Amino acid sequence: MWYVITEGLMKILKSNKAVAITDGAPHRIEKPREEWTTEDKRKANLDNVAKDILYKTLDKVTFSKIKLCKTAKEIWEKLIQLCEGNEQTKENKLTVAVQKFDNIKMKAGESMREYDERVNRIINELNALGKVYSNKKIALKVVRGLPKE
């Protein structure tokens, strides 16, 4: 199934006995549908199964953005584009996340737990974008972000 998501539709092939074998590998041609075995039919249906699984995991907003895609591969590529974006988008996301980390301060009326959760969300976002800070740097940032009182 991962093959159809990353590479596209699976072609059902058979050896072409009319063509001489070159380099020890038989020449392969597409197998006519009427010659398909049960296993061939299962492989040919993998794209539909993969699309169904992808559809079931998406919320309504994301589904509306991919519903016109014809294959599981198209859906996957669209999801990558939507979630990760291109290199410029990734760079922008990283810049914003670093700024959030650099400017984090505990808000008035915010509990220590809420502050810790907010810091952890930013750290997780940075990690997902490939930016990893040492525990020492994170601890210093957390302490420096606390109010003096």
N, C-alpha and C. Protein backbone atom coordinates (compact mmCIF):
# COMPACT_ATOMS: atom_id res chain seq x y z
N MET A 1 0.82 -1.18 0.00
CA MET A 1 0.00 0.00 0.00
C MET A 1 0.87 1.25 0.00
N TRP A 2 1.97 1.24 0.76
CA TRP A 2 2.87 2.40 0.79
C TRP A 2 3.41 2.69 -0.62
N TYR A 3 3.61 1.65 -1.39
CA TYR A 3 4.09 1.83 -2.77
C TYR A 3 3.12 2.70 -3.57
N VAL A 4 1.84 2.42 -3.51
CA VAL A 4 0.88 3.21 -4.30
C VAL A 4 0.76 4.64 -3.78
N ILE A 5 1.01 4.84 -2.50
CA ILE A 5 0.96 6.19 -1.95
C ILE A 5 2.16 7.00 -2.41
N THR A 6 3.33 6.39 -2.42
CA THR A 6 4.54 7.14 -2.76
C THR A 6 4.92 7.07 -4.24
N GLU A 7 4.56 5.99 -4.92
CA GLU A 7 4.99 5.80 -6.31
C GLU A 7 3.86 5.91 -7.33
N GLY A 8 2.65 5.68 -6.92
CA GLY A 8 1.53 5.76 -7.84
C GLY A 8 0.88 4.41 -8.07
N LEU A 9 -0.04 4.38 -9.00
CA LEU A 9 -0.80 3.16 -9.29
C LEU A 9 0.12 1.99 -9.61
N MET A 10 -0.26 0.83 -9.12
CA MET A 10 0.51 -0.38 -9.37
C MET A 10 0.10 -0.96 -10.72
N LYS A 11 1.07 -1.17 -11.59
CA LYS A 11 0.78 -1.76 -12.90
C LYS A 11 0.86 -3.28 -12.79
N ILE A 12 -0.11 -3.93 -13.38
CA ILE A 12 -0.14 -5.39 -13.39
C ILE A 12 0.53 -5.84 -14.69
N LEU A 13 1.67 -6.48 -14.55
CA LEU A 13 2.48 -6.85 -15.71
C LEU A 13 2.61 -8.36 -15.85
N LYS A 14 3.01 -8.77 -17.07
CA LYS A 14 3.32 -10.17 -17.32
C LYS A 14 4.50 -10.22 -18.27
N SER A 15 5.17 -11.35 -18.31
CA SER A 15 6.30 -11.52 -19.22
C SER A 15 5.80 -11.57 -20.65
N ASN A 16 6.53 -10.94 -21.54
CA ASN A 16 6.21 -10.96 -22.96
C ASN A 16 7.09 -12.02 -23.62
N LYS A 17 6.51 -13.15 -23.88
CA LYS A 17 7.28 -14.26 -24.42
C LYS A 17 7.65 -14.06 -25.89
N ALA A 18 7.04 -13.08 -26.55
CA ALA A 18 7.32 -12.82 -27.96
C ALA A 18 8.62 -12.05 -28.15
N VAL A 19 9.14 -11.45 -27.08
CA VAL A 19 10.37 -10.66 -27.17
C VAL A 19 11.49 -11.44 -26.50
N ALA A 20 12.65 -11.42 -27.13
CA ALA A 20 13.80 -12.15 -26.58
C ALA A 20 14.22 -11.54 -25.24
N ILE A 21 14.71 -12.39 -24.35
CA ILE A 21 15.16 -11.95 -23.04
C ILE A 21 16.52 -11.26 -23.20
N THR A 22 16.63 -10.06 -22.65
CA THR A 22 17.89 -9.32 -22.70
C THR A 22 18.41 -9.14 -21.29
N ASP A 23 19.68 -9.31 -21.13
CA ASP A 23 20.34 -9.16 -19.82
C ASP A 23 19.73 -10.05 -18.75
N GLY A 24 19.18 -11.18 -19.13
CA GLY A 24 18.62 -12.12 -18.18
C GLY A 24 17.27 -11.72 -17.61
N ALA A 25 16.77 -10.54 -17.95
CA ALA A 25 15.48 -10.08 -17.43
C ALA A 25 14.43 -10.16 -18.53
N PRO A 26 13.28 -10.76 -18.24
CA PRO A 26 12.24 -10.85 -19.27
C PRO A 26 11.63 -9.47 -19.57
N HIS A 27 11.22 -9.30 -20.80
CA HIS A 27 10.50 -8.07 -21.19
C HIS A 27 9.10 -8.18 -20.61
N ARG A 28 8.61 -7.09 -20.00
CA ARG A 28 7.30 -7.14 -19.35
C ARG A 28 6.35 -6.18 -20.04
N ILE A 29 5.11 -6.61 -20.14
CA ILE A 29 4.05 -5.80 -20.72
C ILE A 29 2.86 -5.80 -19.77
N GLU A 30 1.97 -4.86 -19.98
CA GLU A 30 0.78 -4.80 -19.12
C GLU A 30 -0.12 -6.00 -19.39
N LYS A 31 -0.58 -6.59 -18.31
CA LYS A 31 -1.43 -7.77 -18.39
C LYS A 31 -2.87 -7.35 -18.66
N PRO A 32 -3.52 -7.95 -19.64
CA PRO A 32 -4.93 -7.60 -19.89
C PRO A 32 -5.81 -7.93 -18.68
N ARG A 33 -6.79 -7.11 -18.43
CA ARG A 33 -7.66 -7.26 -17.26
C ARG A 33 -8.30 -8.64 -17.19
N GLU A 34 -8.67 -9.21 -18.33
CA GLU A 34 -9.32 -10.52 -18.31
C GLU A 34 -8.38 -11.65 -17.87
N GLU A 35 -7.07 -11.40 -17.82
CA GLU A 35 -6.10 -12.40 -17.37
C GLU A 35 -5.71 -12.22 -15.90
N TRP A 36 -6.24 -11.21 -15.26
CA TRP A 36 -5.86 -10.94 -13.88
C TRP A 36 -6.27 -12.07 -12.95
N THR A 37 -5.37 -12.40 -12.03
CA THR A 37 -5.66 -13.37 -10.98
C THR A 37 -6.27 -12.62 -9.79
N THR A 38 -6.68 -13.35 -8.79
CA THR A 38 -7.21 -12.72 -7.57
C THR A 38 -6.15 -11.81 -6.95
N GLU A 39 -4.92 -12.26 -6.94
CA GLU A 39 -3.82 -11.46 -6.39
C GLU A 39 -3.61 -10.18 -7.21
N ASP A 40 -3.69 -10.27 -8.52
CA ASP A 40 -3.56 -9.10 -9.39
C ASP A 40 -4.66 -8.09 -9.08
N LYS A 41 -5.88 -8.57 -8.89
CA LYS A 41 -7.01 -7.69 -8.58
C LYS A 41 -6.80 -6.99 -7.24
N ARG A 42 -6.26 -7.73 -6.27
CA ARG A 42 -5.98 -7.17 -4.96
C ARG A 42 -4.93 -6.05 -5.08
N LYS A 43 -3.89 -6.29 -5.85
CA LYS A 43 -2.86 -5.27 -6.05
C LYS A 43 -3.40 -4.04 -6.77
N ALA A 44 -4.23 -4.27 -7.76
CA ALA A 44 -4.81 -3.17 -8.54
C ALA A 44 -5.75 -2.33 -7.68
N ASN A 45 -6.33 -2.92 -6.64
CA ASN A 45 -7.27 -2.22 -5.77
C ASN A 45 -6.58 -1.48 -4.62
N LEU A 46 -5.27 -1.64 -4.47
CA LEU A 46 -4.56 -1.02 -3.35
C LEU A 46 -4.71 0.50 -3.34
N ASP A 47 -4.77 1.11 -4.50
CA ASP A 47 -4.93 2.56 -4.54
C ASP A 47 -6.26 2.96 -3.91
N ASN A 48 -7.32 2.23 -4.20
CA ASN A 48 -8.63 2.53 -3.61
C ASN A 48 -8.60 2.35 -2.10
N VAL A 49 -7.93 1.31 -1.64
CA VAL A 49 -7.83 1.06 -0.20
C VAL A 49 -7.05 2.19 0.47
N ALA A 50 -5.93 2.58 -0.15
CA ALA A 50 -5.10 3.65 0.40
C ALA A 50 -5.88 4.97 0.44
N LYS A 51 -6.62 5.28 -0.64
CA LYS A 51 -7.42 6.51 -0.66
C LYS A 51 -8.45 6.49 0.46
N ASP A 52 -9.11 5.34 0.65
CA ASP A 52 -10.12 5.22 1.69
C ASP A 52 -9.52 5.48 3.07
N ILE A 53 -8.34 4.93 3.33
CA ILE A 53 -7.69 5.13 4.63
C ILE A 53 -7.32 6.60 4.80
N LEU A 54 -6.76 7.20 3.76
CA LEU A 54 -6.39 8.62 3.85
C LEU A 54 -7.63 9.48 4.08
N TYR A 55 -8.72 9.21 3.36
CA TYR A 55 -9.96 9.97 3.52
C TYR A 55 -10.46 9.91 4.97
N LYS A 56 -10.42 8.73 5.55
CA LYS A 56 -10.96 8.53 6.90
C LYS A 56 -10.15 9.23 7.98
N THR A 57 -8.91 9.58 7.68
CA THR A 57 -8.06 10.21 8.69
C THR A 57 -8.10 11.73 8.65
N LEU A 58 -8.79 12.29 7.66
CA LEU A 58 -8.77 13.74 7.47
C LEU A 58 -10.01 14.42 8.05
N ASP A 59 -9.80 15.63 8.54
CA ASP A 59 -10.94 16.43 8.97
C ASP A 59 -11.64 17.01 7.73
N LYS A 60 -12.80 17.59 7.92
CA LYS A 60 -13.61 18.09 6.80
C LYS A 60 -12.90 19.18 6.00
N VAL A 61 -12.19 20.05 6.68
CA VAL A 61 -11.51 21.15 6.00
C VAL A 61 -10.40 20.61 5.09
N THR A 62 -9.59 19.71 5.62
CA THR A 62 -8.50 19.13 4.82
C THR A 62 -9.06 18.27 3.70
N PHE A 63 -10.10 17.50 4.00
CA PHE A 63 -10.72 16.66 2.97
C PHE A 63 -11.20 17.51 1.80
N SER A 64 -11.77 18.66 2.09
CA SER A 64 -12.27 19.51 1.01
C SER A 64 -11.15 19.99 0.09
N LYS A 65 -9.93 20.02 0.61
CA LYS A 65 -8.78 20.47 -0.19
C LYS A 65 -8.18 19.36 -1.06
N ILE A 66 -8.48 18.10 -0.73
CA ILE A 66 -7.88 16.99 -1.49
C ILE A 66 -8.91 16.15 -2.24
N LYS A 67 -10.18 16.47 -2.09
CA LYS A 67 -11.23 15.59 -2.62
C LYS A 67 -11.20 15.44 -4.14
N LEU A 68 -10.58 16.35 -4.86
CA LEU A 68 -10.52 16.23 -6.31
C LEU A 68 -9.32 15.41 -6.81
N CYS A 69 -8.45 15.01 -5.89
CA CYS A 69 -7.29 14.19 -6.27
C CYS A 69 -7.76 12.81 -6.73
N LYS A 70 -7.14 12.30 -7.77
CA LYS A 70 -7.58 11.03 -8.37
C LYS A 70 -6.92 9.80 -7.76
N THR A 71 -5.68 9.93 -7.29
CA THR A 71 -4.97 8.76 -6.77
C THR A 71 -4.47 9.02 -5.35
N ALA A 72 -4.08 7.94 -4.67
CA ALA A 72 -3.53 8.07 -3.33
C ALA A 72 -2.24 8.88 -3.37
N LYS A 73 -1.46 8.72 -4.43
CA LYS A 73 -0.21 9.49 -4.56
C LYS A 73 -0.51 10.98 -4.66
N GLU A 74 -1.50 11.36 -5.45
CA GLU A 74 -1.88 12.77 -5.57
C GLU A 74 -2.33 13.32 -4.22
N ILE A 75 -3.11 12.54 -3.48
CA ILE A 75 -3.58 12.95 -2.16
C ILE A 75 -2.38 13.18 -1.25
N TRP A 76 -1.45 12.22 -1.24
CA TRP A 76 -0.28 12.29 -0.37
C TRP A 76 0.55 13.53 -0.69
N GLU A 77 0.78 13.78 -1.97
CA GLU A 77 1.57 14.95 -2.38
C GLU A 77 0.87 16.25 -2.00
N LYS A 78 -0.44 16.29 -2.12
CA LYS A 78 -1.20 17.48 -1.73
C LYS A 78 -1.13 17.69 -0.21
N LEU A 79 -1.22 16.60 0.55
CA LEU A 79 -1.12 16.69 2.01
C LEU A 79 0.26 17.19 2.43
N ILE A 80 1.30 16.72 1.77
CA ILE A 80 2.65 17.19 2.08
C ILE A 80 2.74 18.69 1.81
N GLN A 81 2.19 19.09 0.68
CA GLN A 81 2.20 20.51 0.32
C GLN A 81 1.41 21.34 1.34
N LEU A 82 0.26 20.84 1.75
CA LEU A 82 -0.57 21.57 2.71
C LEU A 82 0.07 21.63 4.09
N CYS A 83 0.65 20.53 4.53
CA CYS A 83 1.18 20.45 5.90
C CYS A 83 2.59 21.02 6.03
N GLU A 84 3.43 20.74 5.05
CA GLU A 84 4.81 21.16 5.16
C GLU A 84 5.11 22.39 4.32
N GLY A 85 4.45 22.52 3.19
CA GLY A 85 4.72 23.63 2.30
C GLY A 85 6.04 23.46 1.56
N ASN A 86 6.42 24.46 0.81
CA ASN A 86 7.69 24.39 0.09
C ASN A 86 8.81 24.85 1.01
N GLU A 87 10.02 24.93 0.50
CA GLU A 87 11.18 25.29 1.34
C GLU A 87 11.03 26.69 1.93
N GLN A 88 10.47 27.62 1.16
CA GLN A 88 10.28 28.98 1.66
C GLN A 88 9.29 28.99 2.82
N THR A 89 8.22 28.21 2.69
CA THR A 89 7.22 28.13 3.76
C THR A 89 7.84 27.53 5.02
N LYS A 90 8.63 26.47 4.86
CA LYS A 90 9.28 25.84 6.01
C LYS A 90 10.22 26.83 6.70
N GLU A 91 10.97 27.57 5.91
CA GLU A 91 11.90 28.56 6.47
C GLU A 91 11.13 29.64 7.24
N ASN A 92 10.00 30.08 6.68
CA ASN A 92 9.18 31.09 7.37
C ASN A 92 8.62 30.54 8.68
N LYS A 93 8.15 29.29 8.65
CA LYS A 93 7.62 28.68 9.87
C LYS A 93 8.71 28.58 10.94
N LEU A 94 9.92 28.22 10.52
CA LEU A 94 11.03 28.11 11.46
C LEU A 94 11.37 29.48 12.05
N THR A 95 11.40 30.51 11.23
CA THR A 95 11.70 31.86 11.71
C THR A 95 10.68 32.31 12.75
N VAL A 96 9.40 32.07 12.46
CA VAL A 96 8.34 32.45 13.40
C VAL A 96 8.48 31.66 14.70
N ALA A 97 8.75 30.37 14.62
CA ALA A 97 8.88 29.54 15.82
C ALA A 97 10.08 29.97 16.66
N VAL A 98 11.19 30.31 16.02
CA VAL A 98 12.37 30.78 16.75
C VAL A 98 12.05 32.10 17.45
N GLN A 99 11.33 32.99 16.78
CA GLN A 99 10.93 34.26 17.40
C GLN A 99 10.02 34.02 18.60
N LYS A 100 9.10 33.07 18.47
CA LYS A 100 8.23 32.73 19.61
C LYS A 100 9.08 32.27 20.79
N PHE A 101 10.06 31.40 20.52
CA PHE A 101 10.93 30.89 21.58
C PHE A 101 11.74 32.02 22.20
N ASP A 102 12.33 32.86 21.35
CA ASP A 102 13.16 33.96 21.86
C ASP A 102 12.37 34.95 22.72
N ASN A 103 11.10 35.14 22.40
CA ASN A 103 10.30 36.17 23.08
C ASN A 103 9.36 35.61 24.15
N ILE A 104 9.47 34.33 24.46
CA ILE A 104 8.51 33.75 25.40
C ILE A 104 8.72 34.29 26.81
N LYS A 105 7.63 34.70 27.40
CA LYS A 105 7.60 35.19 28.79
C LYS A 105 6.30 34.69 29.41
N MET A 106 6.36 34.47 30.69
CA MET A 106 5.16 34.06 31.40
C MET A 106 4.20 35.24 31.45
N LYS A 107 2.93 35.00 31.10
CA LYS A 107 1.92 36.06 31.06
C LYS A 107 1.34 36.30 32.45
N ALA A 108 0.86 37.49 32.65
CA ALA A 108 0.22 37.82 33.92
C ALA A 108 -1.01 36.93 34.11
N GLY A 109 -1.13 36.31 35.26
CA GLY A 109 -2.27 35.44 35.56
C GLY A 109 -2.11 34.03 35.01
N GLU A 110 -1.01 33.75 34.32
CA GLU A 110 -0.78 32.41 33.75
C GLU A 110 -0.17 31.51 34.81
N SER A 111 -0.68 30.29 34.93
CA SER A 111 -0.13 29.36 35.90
C SER A 111 1.18 28.77 35.36
N MET A 112 1.96 28.21 36.25
CA MET A 112 3.22 27.58 35.84
C MET A 112 2.94 26.44 34.87
N ARG A 113 1.89 25.71 35.09
CA ARG A 113 1.52 24.60 34.21
C ARG A 113 1.20 25.10 32.79
N GLU A 114 0.41 26.18 32.71
CA GLU A 114 0.06 26.76 31.41
C GLU A 114 1.31 27.27 30.69
N TYR A 115 2.19 27.91 31.43
CA TYR A 115 3.44 28.43 30.87
C TYR A 115 4.29 27.26 30.34
N ASP A 116 4.39 26.21 31.13
CA ASP A 116 5.17 25.04 30.73
C ASP A 116 4.59 24.39 29.46
N GLU A 117 3.26 24.30 29.40
CA GLU A 117 2.61 23.73 28.21
C GLU A 117 2.88 24.57 26.98
N ARG A 118 2.85 25.90 27.13
CA ARG A 118 3.11 26.80 26.02
C ARG A 118 4.56 26.66 25.54
N VAL A 119 5.48 26.58 26.48
CA VAL A 119 6.90 26.39 26.13
C VAL A 119 7.06 25.06 25.39
N ASN A 120 6.44 24.00 25.90
CA ASN A 120 6.56 22.69 25.27
C ASN A 120 5.98 22.67 23.86
N ARG A 121 4.88 23.38 23.64
CA ARG A 121 4.31 23.46 22.28
C ARG A 121 5.30 24.10 21.32
N ILE A 122 5.95 25.16 21.77
CA ILE A 122 6.92 25.85 20.92
C ILE A 122 8.14 24.96 20.67
N ILE A 123 8.61 24.28 21.70
CA ILE A 123 9.76 23.37 21.56
C ILE A 123 9.42 22.24 20.59
N ASN A 124 8.22 21.68 20.70
CA ASN A 124 7.80 20.61 19.78
C ASN A 124 7.71 21.12 18.35
N GLU A 125 7.20 22.33 18.18
CA GLU A 125 7.12 22.94 16.85
C GLU A 125 8.52 23.12 16.26
N LEU A 126 9.44 23.61 17.07
CA LEU A 126 10.84 23.79 16.63
C LEU A 126 11.47 22.45 16.26
N ASN A 127 11.26 21.44 17.10
CA ASN A 127 11.81 20.11 16.82
C ASN A 127 11.28 19.56 15.50
N ALA A 128 9.99 19.74 15.26
CA ALA A 128 9.37 19.26 14.02
C ALA A 128 9.96 19.97 12.80
N LEU A 129 10.43 21.20 12.99
CA LEU A 129 11.02 21.96 11.89
C LEU A 129 12.53 21.77 11.80
N GLY A 130 13.07 20.89 12.67
CA GLY A 130 14.49 20.56 12.59
C GLY A 130 15.40 21.40 13.47
N LYS A 131 14.84 22.25 14.30
CA LYS A 131 15.64 23.10 15.21
C LYS A 131 15.56 22.50 16.61
N VAL A 132 16.71 22.07 17.13
CA VAL A 132 16.74 21.43 18.44
C VAL A 132 17.61 22.26 19.38
N TYR A 133 17.05 22.61 20.53
CA TYR A 133 17.78 23.32 21.55
C TYR A 133 18.18 22.34 22.65
N SER A 134 19.30 22.63 23.30
CA SER A 134 19.74 21.79 24.42
C SER A 134 18.81 22.02 25.61
N ASN A 135 18.77 21.04 26.50
CA ASN A 135 17.93 21.18 27.71
C ASN A 135 18.38 22.38 28.54
N LYS A 136 19.69 22.64 28.54
CA LYS A 136 20.23 23.77 29.30
C LYS A 136 19.67 25.09 28.76
N LYS A 137 19.69 25.25 27.44
CA LYS A 137 19.18 26.49 26.82
C LYS A 137 17.68 26.65 27.08
N ILE A 138 16.93 25.53 27.01
CA ILE A 138 15.49 25.59 27.27
C ILE A 138 15.23 25.99 28.71
N ALA A 139 15.97 25.37 29.65
CA ALA A 139 15.78 25.68 31.07
C ALA A 139 16.10 27.15 31.36
N LEU A 140 17.17 27.66 30.76
CA LEU A 140 17.51 29.08 30.95
C LEU A 140 16.42 29.98 30.40
N LYS A 141 15.88 29.63 29.25
CA LYS A 141 14.82 30.42 28.62
C LYS A 141 13.57 30.42 29.50
N VAL A 142 13.23 29.27 30.04
CA VAL A 142 12.05 29.16 30.92
C VAL A 142 12.24 30.03 32.16
N VAL A 143 13.40 29.94 32.78
CA VAL A 143 13.66 30.71 34.01
C VAL A 143 13.68 32.21 33.71
N ARG A 144 14.30 32.60 32.62
CA ARG A 144 14.37 34.02 32.25
C ARG A 144 13.01 34.58 31.86
N GLY A 145 12.10 33.71 31.47
CA GLY A 145 10.76 34.14 31.08
C GLY A 145 9.82 34.30 32.27
N LEU A 146 10.28 33.89 33.45
CA LEU A 146 9.44 34.03 34.65
C LEU A 146 9.44 35.47 35.14
N PRO A 147 8.30 35.90 35.70
CA PRO A 147 8.29 37.27 36.26
C PRO A 147 9.17 37.35 37.50
N LYS A 148 9.66 38.53 37.81
CA LYS A 148 10.60 38.69 38.94
C LYS A 148 9.98 38.31 40.27
N GLU A 149 8.67 38.56 40.38
CA GLU A 149 8.02 38.22 41.66
C GLU A 149 7.84 36.73 41.77
